[in-house]
């Protein structure tokens, strides 16, 4: 049995934003469990905005989901 890979590109909670006049997109995780994401960032002393995935041009810059992904919270079981 192979391990299922969770990818932000395929996730329904991945949202993109682009400011008017800007050519790059900002990608964020908009999962309903934002409290878990915020707590993870605080606990690991991460200074970037909670839920921020990165900048890119029309595509999520990550190949797989980050360590703080709420869907990884319970091993082997997708949440959301």
N, C-alpha and C. Protein backbone atom coordinates (compact mmCIF):
# COMPACT_ATOMS: atom_id res chain seq x y z
N UNK A 1 0.85 -1.19 0.00
CA UNK A 1 0.00 0.00 0.00
C UNK A 1 0.89 1.24 0.00
N UNK A 2 0.64 2.14 -0.93
CA UNK A 2 1.47 3.33 -1.04
C UNK A 2 0.87 4.48 -0.22
N UNK A 3 1.73 5.36 0.21
CA UNK A 3 1.33 6.52 1.00
C UNK A 3 0.71 7.56 0.07
N UNK A 4 -0.44 8.07 0.45
CA UNK A 4 -1.11 9.09 -0.35
C UNK A 4 -0.43 10.44 -0.14
N UNK A 5 -0.07 11.08 -1.23
CA UNK A 5 0.60 12.38 -1.16
C UNK A 5 -0.46 13.48 -1.24
N UNK A 6 -0.39 14.38 -0.28
CA UNK A 6 -1.31 15.52 -0.26
C UNK A 6 -0.58 16.67 -0.95
N UNK A 7 -1.20 17.21 -1.98
CA UNK A 7 -0.59 18.31 -2.74
C UNK A 7 -1.49 19.54 -2.68
N UNK A 8 -0.89 20.69 -2.42
CA UNK A 8 -1.65 21.94 -2.37
C UNK A 8 -2.30 22.26 -3.72
N UNK A 9 -1.64 21.88 -4.79
CA UNK A 9 -2.14 22.14 -6.13
C UNK A 9 -3.53 21.52 -6.34
N UNK A 10 -3.75 20.37 -5.74
CA UNK A 10 -5.02 19.65 -5.91
C UNK A 10 -6.02 19.94 -4.80
N UNK A 11 -5.62 20.69 -3.80
CA UNK A 11 -6.46 20.92 -2.62
C UNK A 11 -7.50 22.02 -2.86
N UNK A 12 -8.70 21.75 -2.39
CA UNK A 12 -9.79 22.72 -2.54
C UNK A 12 -9.63 23.94 -1.65
N UNK A 13 -8.76 23.85 -0.64
CA UNK A 13 -8.57 24.96 0.30
C UNK A 13 -7.47 25.92 -0.12
N UNK A 14 -6.75 25.60 -1.17
CA UNK A 14 -5.68 26.46 -1.67
C UNK A 14 -6.30 27.60 -2.47
N UNK A 15 -6.02 28.83 -2.06
CA UNK A 15 -6.57 30.00 -2.75
C UNK A 15 -5.45 30.92 -3.18
N UNK A 16 -5.68 31.58 -4.28
CA UNK A 16 -4.69 32.51 -4.82
C UNK A 16 -5.24 33.92 -4.82
N UNK A 17 -4.34 34.87 -4.64
CA UNK A 17 -4.68 36.29 -4.66
C UNK A 17 -3.65 37.00 -5.51
N UNK A 18 -4.12 37.98 -6.25
CA UNK A 18 -3.19 38.78 -7.05
C UNK A 18 -3.64 40.23 -6.97
N UNK A 19 -2.73 41.07 -6.56
CA UNK A 19 -3.04 42.49 -6.49
C UNK A 19 -3.11 43.06 -7.89
N UNK A 20 -3.95 44.03 -8.08
CA UNK A 20 -4.11 44.68 -9.38
C UNK A 20 -2.79 45.29 -9.83
N UNK A 21 -2.37 44.97 -11.02
CA UNK A 21 -1.13 45.50 -11.56
C UNK A 21 0.09 44.67 -11.22
N UNK A 22 -0.09 43.62 -10.44
CA UNK A 22 1.01 42.76 -10.05
C UNK A 22 0.99 41.49 -10.91
N UNK A 23 2.15 40.93 -11.21
CA UNK A 23 2.20 39.75 -12.06
C UNK A 23 2.32 38.45 -11.28
N UNK A 24 2.61 38.53 -9.99
CA UNK A 24 2.73 37.29 -9.23
C UNK A 24 1.55 37.10 -8.28
N UNK A 25 1.26 35.86 -8.01
CA UNK A 25 0.16 35.48 -7.14
C UNK A 25 0.69 35.14 -5.75
N UNK A 26 -0.17 35.33 -4.75
CA UNK A 26 0.12 34.90 -3.39
C UNK A 26 -0.83 33.74 -3.11
N UNK A 27 -0.29 32.64 -2.59
CA UNK A 27 -1.10 31.46 -2.31
C UNK A 27 -1.23 31.25 -0.81
N UNK A 28 -2.47 30.93 -0.38
CA UNK A 28 -2.78 30.73 1.03
C UNK A 28 -3.62 29.48 1.21
N UNK A 29 -3.52 28.89 2.39
CA UNK A 29 -4.38 27.77 2.77
C UNK A 29 -5.57 28.35 3.52
N UNK A 30 -6.75 28.12 3.02
CA UNK A 30 -7.96 28.64 3.65
C UNK A 30 -8.79 27.50 4.26
N UNK A 31 -8.09 26.52 4.83
CA UNK A 31 -8.76 25.39 5.48
C UNK A 31 -9.59 25.91 6.65
N UNK A 32 -10.68 25.23 6.95
CA UNK A 32 -11.57 25.69 8.02
C UNK A 32 -10.92 25.61 9.41
N UNK A 33 -9.85 24.84 9.54
CA UNK A 33 -9.16 24.71 10.83
C UNK A 33 -8.00 25.71 10.92
N UNK A 34 -8.32 26.99 10.80
CA UNK A 34 -7.31 28.05 10.85
C UNK A 34 -6.65 28.15 12.22
N UNK A 35 -7.37 27.74 13.25
CA UNK A 35 -6.80 27.78 14.60
C UNK A 35 -5.59 26.84 14.70
N UNK A 36 -5.70 25.65 14.10
CA UNK A 36 -4.59 24.70 14.10
C UNK A 36 -3.38 25.29 13.36
N UNK A 37 -3.63 25.90 12.22
CA UNK A 37 -2.55 26.50 11.43
C UNK A 37 -1.87 27.61 12.23
N UNK A 38 -2.66 28.49 12.82
CA UNK A 38 -2.12 29.60 13.61
C UNK A 38 -1.29 29.06 14.79
N UNK A 39 -1.83 28.07 15.49
CA UNK A 39 -1.11 27.48 16.63
C UNK A 39 0.20 26.83 16.19
N UNK A 40 0.20 26.16 15.06
CA UNK A 40 1.41 25.51 14.55
C UNK A 40 2.49 26.55 14.26
N UNK A 41 2.10 27.63 13.60
CA UNK A 41 3.06 28.70 13.28
C UNK A 41 3.62 29.32 14.56
N UNK A 42 2.75 29.53 15.54
CA UNK A 42 3.18 30.12 16.81
C UNK A 42 4.11 29.17 17.57
N UNK A 43 3.74 27.90 17.62
CA UNK A 43 4.52 26.90 18.35
C UNK A 43 5.92 26.71 17.75
N UNK A 44 6.01 26.78 16.43
CA UNK A 44 7.29 26.59 15.75
C UNK A 44 8.00 27.92 15.46
N UNK A 45 7.47 28.99 16.01
CA UNK A 45 8.05 30.33 15.87
C UNK A 45 8.32 30.70 14.41
N UNK A 46 7.33 30.45 13.58
CA UNK A 46 7.43 30.79 12.16
C UNK A 46 6.96 32.23 12.00
N UNK A 47 7.75 33.03 11.33
CA UNK A 47 7.46 34.46 11.26
C UNK A 47 6.59 34.86 10.06
N UNK A 48 6.40 33.97 9.10
CA UNK A 48 5.55 34.33 7.96
C UNK A 48 4.08 34.28 8.36
N UNK A 49 3.23 34.83 7.54
CA UNK A 49 1.81 34.88 7.82
C UNK A 49 1.25 33.45 7.88
N UNK A 50 0.46 33.16 8.89
CA UNK A 50 -0.10 31.82 9.07
C UNK A 50 -0.93 31.42 7.84
N UNK A 51 -0.64 30.27 7.31
CA UNK A 51 -1.36 29.76 6.14
C UNK A 51 -0.77 30.18 4.81
N UNK A 52 0.31 30.96 4.85
CA UNK A 52 0.94 31.43 3.60
C UNK A 52 1.73 30.30 2.96
N UNK A 53 1.47 30.04 1.68
CA UNK A 53 2.14 28.96 0.95
C UNK A 53 3.30 29.46 0.11
N UNK A 54 3.20 30.69 -0.37
CA UNK A 54 4.28 31.24 -1.17
C UNK A 54 3.79 32.06 -2.33
N UNK A 55 4.74 32.58 -3.10
CA UNK A 55 4.45 33.36 -4.30
C UNK A 55 4.68 32.50 -5.53
N UNK A 56 3.94 32.77 -6.57
CA UNK A 56 4.12 32.02 -7.81
C UNK A 56 3.42 32.70 -8.96
N UNK A 57 3.64 32.15 -10.13
CA UNK A 57 2.97 32.67 -11.32
C UNK A 57 1.97 31.65 -11.82
N UNK A 58 0.72 31.83 -11.47
CA UNK A 58 -0.39 31.00 -11.91
C UNK A 58 -0.39 29.59 -11.31
N UNK A 59 0.61 29.22 -10.52
CA UNK A 59 0.68 27.87 -9.97
C UNK A 59 1.29 27.89 -8.57
N UNK A 60 0.80 27.02 -7.70
CA UNK A 60 1.32 26.92 -6.34
C UNK A 60 2.80 26.55 -6.39
N UNK A 61 3.66 27.25 -5.67
CA UNK A 61 5.09 26.98 -5.73
C UNK A 61 5.54 25.72 -4.99
N UNK A 62 4.61 25.02 -4.33
CA UNK A 62 4.97 23.82 -3.57
C UNK A 62 4.62 22.56 -4.36
N UNK A 63 5.47 21.54 -4.26
CA UNK A 63 5.18 20.27 -4.91
C UNK A 63 4.29 19.40 -4.03
N UNK A 64 4.52 19.45 -2.72
CA UNK A 64 3.68 18.72 -1.76
C UNK A 64 3.21 19.70 -0.70
N UNK A 65 2.37 19.23 0.18
CA UNK A 65 1.84 20.12 1.21
C UNK A 65 2.88 20.36 2.31
N UNK A 66 2.78 21.52 2.99
CA UNK A 66 3.73 21.82 4.07
C UNK A 66 3.47 20.97 5.31
N UNK A 67 4.41 20.95 6.22
CA UNK A 67 4.31 20.16 7.44
C UNK A 67 3.11 20.57 8.29
N UNK A 68 2.69 21.81 8.21
CA UNK A 68 1.59 22.30 9.04
C UNK A 68 0.21 22.08 8.42
N UNK A 69 0.13 21.38 7.32
CA UNK A 69 -1.15 21.15 6.63
C UNK A 69 -2.15 20.45 7.56
N UNK A 70 -3.35 21.02 7.74
CA UNK A 70 -4.36 20.40 8.61
C UNK A 70 -4.79 19.02 8.12
N UNK A 71 -4.67 18.76 6.84
CA UNK A 71 -5.05 17.45 6.30
C UNK A 71 -4.04 16.37 6.70
N UNK A 72 -2.85 16.78 7.16
CA UNK A 72 -1.84 15.84 7.63
C UNK A 72 -1.95 15.61 9.14
N UNK A 73 -2.80 16.40 9.79
CA UNK A 73 -2.89 16.39 11.25
C UNK A 73 -3.17 14.98 11.79
N UNK A 74 -4.08 14.27 11.17
CA UNK A 74 -4.37 12.91 11.58
C UNK A 74 -3.81 12.01 10.49
N UNK A 75 -2.83 11.23 10.85
CA UNK A 75 -2.11 10.40 9.87
C UNK A 75 -3.04 9.43 9.18
N UNK A 76 -2.99 9.46 7.85
CA UNK A 76 -3.78 8.53 7.05
C UNK A 76 -5.23 8.91 6.90
N UNK A 77 -5.62 10.04 7.43
CA UNK A 77 -7.01 10.43 7.37
C UNK A 77 -7.11 11.89 6.98
N UNK A 78 -7.77 12.17 5.86
CA UNK A 78 -7.91 13.56 5.41
C UNK A 78 -8.97 14.24 6.26
N UNK A 79 -8.67 15.45 6.68
CA UNK A 79 -9.61 16.24 7.47
C UNK A 79 -10.12 17.37 6.60
N UNK A 80 -11.40 17.61 6.61
CA UNK A 80 -11.94 18.71 5.86
C UNK A 80 -12.80 18.26 4.84
